[in-house]
C-alpha cells in the first residue's frame, strides 16, 4: 500500500473478506497447475480442497480482467502446485513476458506434488524450460517441512540435503543482451585461473619477492588480477552463490512411503 502496489492474495483454504487491507484484495481461489491435482495434493494440516476453487494462472487473470496486465511479482507458496504452474507458464506456450519476477517455495515431498515418476518429470521439465526461457536465480534459501511431510517418491531424497528441505527461491528473466549466470561463473573461473597460473609461474621464475620481478611481469599479473576482479563483480551482480545441492551429504535413497 505504501509503495503504491496493487496486491492480490489467493488461498482456497481461507475465507477472509475481499478488502482485507488497504491495497490488498483477497480471493478464495487457488492455483492449479496442469498435471497436479491440488484438490488432493497439499500439506497434511489442510483438509481436502474444493476443486471448483482451483484455477490455472491464465483463468485467474481472465476472471480478474487482468489478461493484458503485467505481474511485477508472482509469489507461489501453494503446497506443491508450483511445478505444474511453472511448467504451464514456461513450457506450454505461456507468455512469461507478463511476469517480471517469480518468488516461490519449491516442495519435494510425496504429498506436496511429487508423488511418482510422472510428477518428478513435470518438475524436471519446468526447471528445464525456466532455464531455456532465460530465468535465473536472484536469491535462494532453505526452509523446513514438518516431519509429517517426510515421504518421497523414489530417488527424490537423494538430491536434497535433508528430509525437511524446502527451497525459497526468487527468479527473474534475463534479457537477451545480458549474460546468463552460468556464463558469468565460467568467465570468472577462467579469469581467476589465468591470474593464479601466471602468478605461480612468475614466482617460480623470479621468486616470491614481487619487488624483484621485471616490470612487464608485474604489469601482466596486475592486468590479470583486474580482469579477475571485474569478472567476479559482474558475476556477483547477478549470481547467488549459496549451496543447496552441493557440499551436503546426500541422503540414502528411500523407498516411497504411502500416507
C-alpha atoms as a PDB file:
ATOM      1  CA  UNK A   1       0.000   0.000   0.000  1.00  0.00           C
ATOM      2  CA  UNK A   2       2.739   2.477   0.956  1.00  0.00           C
ATOM      3  CA  UNK A   3       4.670   1.629  -2.219  1.00  0.00           C
ATOM      4  CA  UNK A   4       1.624   2.109  -4.411  1.00  0.00           C
ATOM      5  CA  UNK A   5       1.371  -1.592  -5.196  1.00  0.00           C
ATOM      6  CA  UNK A   6      -1.824  -3.430  -6.045  1.00  0.00           C
ATOM      7  CA  UNK A   7      -1.660  -6.791  -4.311  1.00  0.00           C
ATOM      8  CA  UNK A   8      -3.940  -9.794  -4.835  1.00  0.00           C
ATOM      9  CA  UNK A   9      -3.776 -12.693  -2.380  1.00  0.00           C
ATOM     10  CA  UNK A  10      -5.240 -16.139  -3.012  1.00  0.00           C
ATOM     11  CA  UNK A  11      -5.996 -19.029  -0.657  1.00  0.00           C
ATOM     12  CA  UNK A  12      -8.723 -21.663  -1.201  1.00  0.00           C
ATOM     13  CA  UNK A  13      -8.469 -22.807   2.431  1.00  0.00           C
ATOM     14  CA  UNK A  14      -9.319 -19.427   3.987  1.00  0.00           C
ATOM     15  CA  UNK A  15     -12.413 -17.252   3.890  1.00  0.00           C
ATOM     16  CA  UNK A  16     -11.345 -13.660   4.512  1.00  0.00           C
ATOM     17  CA  UNK A  17     -13.190 -10.523   3.367  1.00  0.00           C
ATOM     18  CA  UNK A  18     -12.098  -9.378  -0.084  1.00  0.00           C
ATOM     19  CA  UNK A  19     -10.936  -5.949   1.128  1.00  0.00           C
ATOM     20  CA  UNK A  20      -8.630  -7.417   3.719  1.00  0.00           C
ATOM     21  CA  UNK A  21      -6.301  -4.399   3.911  1.00  0.00           C
ATOM     22  CA  UNK A  22      -5.570  -1.168   2.014  1.00  0.00           C
ATOM     23  CA  UNK A  23      -4.162  -2.096  -1.383  1.00  0.00           C
ATOM     24  CA  UNK A  24      -4.709  -5.828  -0.738  1.00  0.00           C
ATOM     25  CA  UNK A  25      -7.572  -7.833  -2.242  1.00  0.00           C
ATOM     26  CA  UNK A  26      -8.229 -11.389  -1.079  1.00  0.00           C
ATOM     27  CA  UNK A  27      -9.662 -14.113  -3.334  1.00  0.00           C
ATOM     28  CA  UNK A  28     -10.817 -17.509  -2.092  1.00  0.00           C
ATOM     29  CA  UNK A  29      -9.168 -19.264  -5.015  1.00  0.00           C
ATOM     30  CA  UNK A  30      -6.115 -21.429  -5.514  1.00  0.00           C
ATOM     31  CA  UNK A  31      -3.745 -22.254  -8.350  1.00  0.00           C
ATOM     32  CA  UNK A  32      -3.998 -25.483 -10.287  1.00  0.00           C
ATOM     33  CA  UNK A  33      -1.046 -26.431 -12.461  1.00  0.00           C
ATOM     34  CA  UNK A  34      -1.536 -28.893 -15.279  1.00  0.00           C
ATOM     35  CA  UNK A  35      -0.579 -32.404 -14.236  1.00  0.00           C
ATOM     36  CA  UNK A  36      -1.002 -31.812 -10.491  1.00  0.00           C
ATOM     37  CA  UNK A  37      -4.303 -32.396  -8.689  1.00  0.00           C
ATOM     38  CA  UNK A  38      -4.168 -29.777  -5.964  1.00  0.00           C
ATOM     39  CA  UNK A  39      -7.512 -30.883  -4.554  1.00  0.00           C
ATOM     40  CA  UNK A  40      -5.669 -33.839  -3.030  1.00  0.00           C
ATOM     41  CA  UNK A  41      -2.058 -32.612  -3.008  1.00  0.00           C
ATOM     42  CA  UNK A  42      -1.356 -30.392  -0.035  1.00  0.00           C
ATOM     43  CA  UNK A  43       0.142 -30.371   3.437  1.00  0.00           C
ATOM     44  CA  UNK A  44      -1.434 -32.803   5.874  1.00  0.00           C
ATOM     45  CA  UNK A  45      -2.638 -29.942   8.080  1.00  0.00           C
ATOM     46  CA  UNK A  46      -5.174 -28.935   5.405  1.00  0.00           C
ATOM     47  CA  UNK A  47      -8.455 -30.629   4.576  1.00  0.00           C
ATOM     48  CA  UNK A  48      -9.351 -31.608   1.020  1.00  0.00           C
ATOM     49  CA  UNK A  49      -9.714 -28.553  -1.230  1.00  0.00           C
ATOM     50  CA  UNK A  50     -12.839 -27.884  -3.282  1.00  0.00           C
ATOM     51  CA  UNK A  51     -11.731 -28.441  -6.930  1.00  0.00           C
ATOM     52  CA  UNK A  52     -14.048 -25.649  -8.116  1.00  0.00           C
ATOM     53  CA  UNK A  53     -11.832 -23.147  -6.251  1.00  0.00           C
ATOM     54  CA  UNK A  54      -8.714 -24.194  -8.185  1.00  0.00           C
ATOM     55  CA  UNK A  55      -7.918 -22.396 -11.442  1.00  0.00           C
ATOM     56  CA  UNK A  56      -4.941 -22.027 -13.735  1.00  0.00           C
ATOM     57  CA  UNK A  57      -2.975 -18.770 -13.653  1.00  0.00           C
ATOM     58  CA  UNK A  58      -4.436 -17.831 -17.033  1.00  0.00           C
ATOM     59  CA  UNK A  59      -8.012 -18.479 -15.849  1.00  0.00           C
ATOM     60  CA  UNK A  60      -7.466 -16.425 -12.696  1.00  0.00           C
ATOM     61  CA  UNK A  61      -6.176 -13.495 -14.751  1.00  0.00           C
ATOM     62  CA  UNK A  62      -9.190 -13.746 -17.036  1.00  0.00           C
ATOM     63  CA  UNK A  63     -11.543 -13.920 -14.045  1.00  0.00           C
ATOM     64  CA  UNK A  64      -9.993 -10.749 -12.617  1.00  0.00           C
ATOM     65  CA  UNK A  65      -9.913  -8.980 -16.001  1.00  0.00           C
ATOM     66  CA  UNK A  66      -6.113  -8.883 -15.925  1.00  0.00           C
ATOM     67  CA  UNK A  67      -5.445 -10.503 -19.316  1.00  0.00           C
ATOM     68  CA  UNK A  68      -3.342  -7.625 -20.646  1.00  0.00           C
ATOM     69  CA  UNK A  69      -1.637  -6.702 -17.415  1.00  0.00           C
ATOM     70  CA  UNK A  70       1.935  -7.425 -16.312  1.00  0.00           C
ATOM     71  CA  UNK A  71       2.572  -9.118 -12.959  1.00  0.00           C
ATOM     72  CA  UNK A  72       5.500  -7.421 -11.231  1.00  0.00           C
ATOM     73  CA  UNK A  73       5.946 -10.244  -8.709  1.00  0.00           C
ATOM     74  CA  UNK A  74       4.286 -13.656  -8.892  1.00  0.00           C
ATOM     75  CA  UNK A  75       4.630 -15.299  -5.481  1.00  0.00           C
ATOM     76  CA  UNK A  76       3.869 -19.011  -5.232  1.00  0.00           C
ATOM     77  CA  UNK A  77       3.542 -20.780  -1.912  1.00  0.00           C
ATOM     78  CA  UNK A  78       0.930 -23.288  -2.976  1.00  0.00           C
ATOM     79  CA  UNK A  79       1.984 -26.537  -1.321  1.00  0.00           C
ATOM     80  CA  UNK A  80       3.170 -28.296  -4.473  1.00  0.00           C
ATOM     81  CA  UNK A  81       1.282 -26.574  -7.278  1.00  0.00           C
ATOM     82  CA  UNK A  82       4.401 -24.616  -8.270  1.00  0.00           C
ATOM     83  CA  UNK A  83       5.828 -27.345 -10.519  1.00  0.00           C
ATOM     84  CA  UNK A  84       2.716 -27.626 -12.676  1.00  0.00           C
ATOM     85  CA  UNK A  85       2.077 -23.868 -12.684  1.00  0.00           C
ATOM     86  CA  UNK A  86       5.610 -23.046 -13.817  1.00  0.00           C
ATOM     87  CA  UNK A  87       5.582 -25.836 -16.402  1.00  0.00           C
ATOM     88  CA  UNK A  88       2.344 -24.463 -17.816  1.00  0.00           C
ATOM     89  CA  UNK A  89       3.713 -20.925 -17.801  1.00  0.00           C
ATOM     90  CA  UNK A  90       7.073 -21.559 -19.465  1.00  0.00           C
ATOM     91  CA  UNK A  91       6.740 -24.883 -21.318  1.00  0.00           C
ATOM     92  CA  UNK A  92       3.320 -24.776 -22.922  1.00  0.00           C
ATOM     93  CA  UNK A  93       3.159 -21.535 -24.823  1.00  0.00           C
ATOM     94  CA  UNK A  94       2.547 -19.343 -21.808  1.00  0.00           C
ATOM     95  CA  UNK A  95       3.544 -15.693 -22.059  1.00  0.00           C
ATOM     96  CA  UNK A  96       6.327 -15.328 -19.498  1.00  0.00           C
ATOM     97  CA  UNK A  97       6.751 -11.689 -20.525  1.00  0.00           C
ATOM     98  CA  UNK A  98       3.658 -10.993 -18.427  1.00  0.00           C
ATOM     99  CA  UNK A  99       5.668 -11.846 -15.280  1.00  0.00           C
ATOM    100  CA  UNK A 100       8.718  -9.796 -14.251  1.00  0.00           C
ATOM    101  CA  UNK A 101       9.793 -11.795 -11.207  1.00  0.00           C
ATOM    102  CA  UNK A 102       8.869 -15.120  -9.644  1.00  0.00           C
ATOM    103  CA  UNK A 103       9.179 -15.861  -5.934  1.00  0.00           C
ATOM    104  CA  UNK A 104       8.298 -19.413  -4.998  1.00  0.00           C
ATOM    105  CA  UNK A 105       8.684 -22.106  -2.395  1.00  0.00           C
ATOM    106  CA  UNK A 106       9.682 -25.380  -4.020  1.00  0.00           C
ATOM    107  CA  UNK A 107       8.406 -28.562  -2.387  1.00  0.00           C
ATOM    108  CA  UNK A 108       9.828 -32.054  -2.903  1.00  0.00           C
ATOM    109  CA  UNK A 109       7.658 -34.160  -0.616  1.00  0.00           C
ATOM    110  CA  UNK A 110       5.361 -37.012  -1.690  1.00  0.00           C
ATOM    111  CA  UNK A 111       2.108 -35.342  -0.686  1.00  0.00           C
ATOM    112  CA  UNK A 112       3.237 -31.908  -1.918  1.00  0.00           C
ATOM    113  CA  UNK A 113       3.284 -32.509  -5.642  1.00  0.00           C
ATOM    114  CA  UNK A 114       5.950 -35.162  -6.314  1.00  0.00           C
ATOM    115  CA  UNK A 115       4.109 -38.443  -5.839  1.00  0.00           C
ATOM    116  CA  UNK A 116       5.620 -40.502  -8.629  1.00  0.00           C
ATOM    117  CA  UNK A 117       7.919 -40.508 -11.633  1.00  0.00           C
ATOM    118  CA  UNK A 118       5.434 -38.548 -13.741  1.00  0.00           C
ATOM    119  CA  UNK A 119       5.347 -35.732 -11.169  1.00  0.00           C
ATOM    120  CA  UNK A 120       9.144 -35.699 -10.991  1.00  0.00           C
ATOM    121  CA  UNK A 121       9.292 -35.380 -14.790  1.00  0.00           C
ATOM    122  CA  UNK A 122       6.867 -32.421 -14.643  1.00  0.00           C
ATOM    123  CA  UNK A 123       9.183 -30.733 -12.147  1.00  0.00           C
ATOM    124  CA  UNK A 124      12.245 -31.500 -14.270  1.00  0.00           C
ATOM    125  CA  UNK A 125      10.556 -30.115 -17.371  1.00  0.00           C
ATOM    126  CA  UNK A 126       9.574 -26.939 -15.521  1.00  0.00           C
ATOM    127  CA  UNK A 127      13.184 -26.380 -14.404  1.00  0.00           C
ATOM    128  CA  UNK A 128      14.490 -27.075 -17.921  1.00  0.00           C
ATOM    129  CA  UNK A 129      12.027 -24.649 -19.514  1.00  0.00           C
ATOM    130  CA  UNK A 130      12.850 -21.934 -16.974  1.00  0.00           C
ATOM    131  CA  UNK A 131      16.476 -22.214 -17.995  1.00  0.00           C
ATOM    132  CA  UNK A 132      15.698 -22.181 -21.715  1.00  0.00           C
ATOM    133  CA  UNK A 133      13.482 -19.121 -21.221  1.00  0.00           C
ATOM    134  CA  UNK A 134      16.445 -17.363 -19.517  1.00  0.00           C
ATOM    135  CA  UNK A 135      15.087 -17.305 -15.955  1.00  0.00           C
ATOM    136  CA  UNK A 136      17.878 -17.025 -13.402  1.00  0.00           C
ATOM    137  CA  UNK A 137      18.023 -17.310  -9.615  1.00  0.00           C
ATOM    138  CA  UNK A 138      18.405 -13.988  -7.793  1.00  0.00           C
ATOM    139  CA  UNK A 139      18.054 -15.271  -4.225  1.00  0.00           C
ATOM    140  CA  UNK A 140      17.786 -18.632  -2.570  1.00  0.00           C
ATOM    141  CA  UNK A 141      17.455 -20.047   0.927  1.00  0.00           C
ATOM    142  CA  UNK A 142      16.237 -23.200   2.581  1.00  0.00           C
ATOM    143  CA  UNK A 143      13.159 -23.730   4.707  1.00  0.00           C
ATOM    144  CA  UNK A 144      11.830 -26.771   6.546  1.00  0.00           C
ATOM    145  CA  UNK A 145       8.859 -29.063   6.037  1.00  0.00           C
ATOM    146  CA  UNK A 146       7.211 -30.617   9.091  1.00  0.00           C
ATOM    147  CA  UNK A 147       8.158 -34.193   9.889  1.00  0.00           C
ATOM    148  CA  UNK A 148       4.737 -35.472   8.811  1.00  0.00           C
ATOM    149  CA  UNK A 149       5.653 -34.488   5.227  1.00  0.00           C
ATOM    150  CA  UNK A 150       8.891 -36.534   5.117  1.00  0.00           C
ATOM    151  CA  UNK A 151       7.796 -39.030   2.461  1.00  0.00           C
ATOM    152  CA  UNK A 152       9.234 -39.026  -1.046  1.00  0.00           C
ATOM    153  CA  UNK A 153       8.884 -40.513  -4.487  1.00  0.00           C
ATOM    154  CA  UNK A 154      11.753 -42.871  -5.136  1.00  0.00           C
ATOM    155  CA  UNK A 155      15.027 -41.046  -5.740  1.00  0.00           C
ATOM    156  CA  UNK A 156      13.876 -37.535  -4.773  1.00  0.00           C
ATOM    157  CA  UNK A 157      15.503 -37.564  -1.349  1.00  0.00           C
ATOM    158  CA  UNK A 158      18.894 -38.302  -2.933  1.00  0.00           C
ATOM    159  CA  UNK A 159      19.094 -34.780  -4.415  1.00  0.00           C
ATOM    160  CA  UNK A 160      18.139 -32.772  -1.325  1.00  0.00           C
ATOM    161  CA  UNK A 161      20.341 -32.408   1.711  1.00  0.00           C
ATOM    162  CA  UNK A 162      17.838 -33.095   4.473  1.00  0.00           C
ATOM    163  CA  UNK A 163      14.454 -34.725   4.842  1.00  0.00           C
ATOM    164  CA  UNK A 164      12.852 -31.401   5.739  1.00  0.00           C
ATOM    165  CA  UNK A 165      14.224 -29.388   2.809  1.00  0.00           C
ATOM    166  CA  UNK A 166      12.076 -26.780   1.124  1.00  0.00           C
ATOM    167  CA  UNK A 167      13.668 -24.133  -1.079  1.00  0.00           C
ATOM    168  CA  UNK A 168      12.593 -20.492  -1.180  1.00  0.00           C
ATOM    169  CA  UNK A 169      13.741 -19.020  -4.471  1.00  0.00           C
ATOM    170  CA  UNK A 170      13.425 -15.777  -6.400  1.00  0.00           C
ATOM    171  CA  UNK A 171      13.927 -15.726 -10.154  1.00  0.00           C
ATOM    172  CA  UNK A 172      13.987 -13.085 -12.823  1.00  0.00           C
ATOM    173  CA  UNK A 173      14.112 -13.332 -16.598  1.00  0.00           C
ATOM    174  CA  UNK A 174      17.492 -12.376 -18.055  1.00  0.00           C
ATOM    175  CA  UNK A 175      17.200 -10.189 -21.153  1.00  0.00           C
ATOM    176  CA  UNK A 176      18.891 -11.242 -24.376  1.00  0.00           C
ATOM    177  CA  UNK A 177      21.585  -8.576 -24.048  1.00  0.00           C
ATOM    178  CA  UNK A 178      22.578  -9.832 -20.562  1.00  0.00           C
ATOM    179  CA  UNK A 179      24.806 -12.811 -19.879  1.00  0.00           C
ATOM    180  CA  UNK A 180      23.349 -15.842 -18.168  1.00  0.00           C
ATOM    181  CA  UNK A 181      24.691 -16.660 -14.680  1.00  0.00           C
ATOM    182  CA  UNK A 182      26.490 -19.824 -15.786  1.00  0.00           C
ATOM    183  CA  UNK A 183      28.370 -17.798 -18.412  1.00  0.00           C
ATOM    184  CA  UNK A 184      29.403 -15.233 -15.792  1.00  0.00           C
ATOM    185  CA  UNK A 185      30.577 -18.004 -13.461  1.00  0.00           C
ATOM    186  CA  UNK A 186      32.593 -19.551 -16.298  1.00  0.00           C
ATOM    187  CA  UNK A 187      34.200 -16.209 -17.185  1.00  0.00           C
ATOM    188  CA  UNK A 188      35.146 -15.548 -13.555  1.00  0.00           C
ATOM    189  CA  UNK A 189      36.585 -19.039 -13.113  1.00  0.00           C
ATOM    190  CA  UNK A 190      38.650 -18.642 -16.295  1.00  0.00           C
ATOM    191  CA  UNK A 191      39.955 -15.193 -15.329  1.00  0.00           C
ATOM    192  CA  UNK A 192      40.841 -16.350 -11.813  1.00  0.00           C
ATOM    193  CA  UNK A 193      42.607 -19.428 -13.150  1.00  0.00           C
ATOM    194  CA  UNK A 194      44.661 -17.362 -15.616  1.00  0.00           C
ATOM    195  CA  UNK A 195      45.720 -14.958 -12.878  1.00  0.00           C
ATOM    196  CA  UNK A 196      46.673 -17.704 -10.424  1.00  0.00           C
ATOM    197  CA  UNK A 197      48.574 -19.714 -13.052  1.00  0.00           C
ATOM    198  CA  UNK A 198      50.589 -16.723 -14.273  1.00  0.00           C
ATOM    199  CA  UNK A 199      51.359 -15.589 -10.721  1.00  0.00           C
ATOM    200  CA  UNK A 200      52.661 -19.037  -9.755  1.00  0.00           C
ATOM    201  CA  UNK A 201      54.708 -19.187 -12.929  1.00  0.00           C
ATOM    202  CA  UNK A 202      56.407 -15.865 -12.175  1.00  0.00           C
ATOM    203  CA  UNK A 203      57.050 -16.938  -8.568  1.00  0.00           C
ATOM    204  CA  UNK A 204      58.941 -19.966  -9.852  1.00  0.00           C
ATOM    205  CA  UNK A 205      60.916 -17.817 -12.310  1.00  0.00           C
ATOM    206  CA  UNK A 206      61.629 -14.733 -10.193  1.00  0.00           C
ATOM    207  CA  UNK A 207      60.944 -15.736  -6.569  1.00  0.00           C
ATOM    208  CA  UNK A 208      58.310 -14.714  -4.026  1.00  0.00           C
ATOM    209  CA  UNK A 209      59.508 -11.108  -3.670  1.00  0.00           C
ATOM    210  CA  UNK A 210      57.466  -9.245  -6.291  1.00  0.00           C
ATOM    211  CA  UNK A 211      59.702  -6.168  -5.941  1.00  0.00           C
ATOM    212  CA  UNK A 212      62.368  -8.157  -7.808  1.00  0.00           C
ATOM    213  CA  UNK A 213      60.076  -9.074 -10.693  1.00  0.00           C
ATOM    214  CA  UNK A 214      60.561  -7.435 -14.108  1.00  0.00           C
ATOM    215  CA  UNK A 215      58.143  -4.531 -14.780  1.00  0.00           C
ATOM    216  CA  UNK A 216      56.484  -6.488 -17.581  1.00  0.00           C
ATOM    217  CA  UNK A 217      55.690  -9.389 -15.262  1.00  0.00           C
ATOM    218  CA  UNK A 218      54.195  -7.082 -12.619  1.00  0.00           C
ATOM    219  CA  UNK A 219      52.092  -5.317 -15.236  1.00  0.00           C
ATOM    220  CA  UNK A 220      50.854  -8.608 -16.676  1.00  0.00           C
ATOM    221  CA  UNK A 221      49.848 -10.005 -13.257  1.00  0.00           C
ATOM    222  CA  UNK A 222      48.154  -6.711 -12.334  1.00  0.00           C
ATOM    223  CA  UNK A 223      46.145  -6.774 -15.569  1.00  0.00           C
ATOM    224  CA  UNK A 224      45.063 -10.359 -14.965  1.00  0.00           C
ATOM    225  CA  UNK A 225      44.134  -9.550 -11.345  1.00  0.00           C
ATOM    226  CA  UNK A 226      41.984  -6.624 -12.525  1.00  0.00           C
ATOM    227  CA  UNK A 227      40.273  -8.820 -15.112  1.00  0.00           C
ATOM    228  CA  UNK A 228      39.553 -11.422 -12.408  1.00  0.00           C
ATOM    229  CA  UNK A 229      38.087  -8.753 -10.100  1.00  0.00           C
ATOM    230  CA  UNK A 230      35.917  -7.336 -12.890  1.00  0.00           C
ATOM    231  CA  UNK A 231      34.631 -10.819 -13.754  1.00  0.00           C
ATOM    232  CA  UNK A 232      33.891 -11.507 -10.086  1.00  0.00           C
ATOM    233  CA  UNK A 233      31.966  -8.234  -9.701  1.00  0.00           C
ATOM    234  CA  UNK A 234      29.962  -8.960 -12.847  1.00  0.00           C
ATOM    235  CA  UNK A 235      29.122 -12.437 -11.563  1.00  0.00           C
ATOM    236  CA  UNK A 236      28.134 -11.309  -8.078  1.00  0.00           C
ATOM    237  CA  UNK A 237      25.808  -8.651  -9.503  1.00  0.00           C
ATOM    238  CA  UNK A 238      23.620 -11.439 -10.907  1.00  0.00           C
ATOM    239  CA  UNK A 239      24.578 -14.781  -9.435  1.00  0.00           C
ATOM    240  CA  UNK A 240      23.666 -16.008  -5.974  1.00  0.00           C
ATOM    241  CA  UNK A 241      26.412 -18.348  -4.762  1.00  0.00           C
ATOM    242  CA  UNK A 242      24.728 -20.281  -1.983  1.00  0.00           C
ATOM    243  CA  UNK A 243      24.983 -24.055  -1.980  1.00  0.00           C
ATOM    244  CA  UNK A 244      21.749 -26.006  -1.854  1.00  0.00           C
ATOM    245  CA  UNK A 245      22.557 -29.317  -3.500  1.00  0.00           C
ATOM    246  CA  UNK A 246      26.355 -29.048  -3.232  1.00  0.00           C
ATOM    247  CA  UNK A 247      28.630 -29.637  -0.255  1.00  0.00           C
ATOM    248  CA  UNK A 248      25.995 -31.605   1.620  1.00  0.00           C
ATOM    249  CA  UNK A 249      25.997 -35.372   2.134  1.00  0.00           C
ATOM    250  CA  UNK A 250      23.306 -36.944   0.019  1.00  0.00           C
ATOM    251  CA  UNK A 251      20.743 -38.920   1.931  1.00  0.00           C
ATOM    252  CA  UNK A 252      20.360 -42.602   1.324  1.00  0.00           C
ATOM    253  CA  UNK A 253      17.597 -43.149  -1.184  1.00  0.00           C
ATOM    254  CA  UNK A 254      14.430 -44.343   0.492  1.00  0.00           C
ATOM    255  CA  UNK A 255      11.535 -46.262  -0.933  1.00  0.00           C
ATOM    256  CA  UNK A 256       8.376 -44.248  -1.398  1.00  0.00           C
ATOM    257  CA  UNK A 257       6.034 -44.420   1.565  1.00  0.00           C
ATOM    258  CA  UNK A 258       2.297 -44.284   1.213  1.00  0.00           C
ATOM    259  CA  UNK A 259       0.417 -41.962   3.586  1.00  0.00           C
END
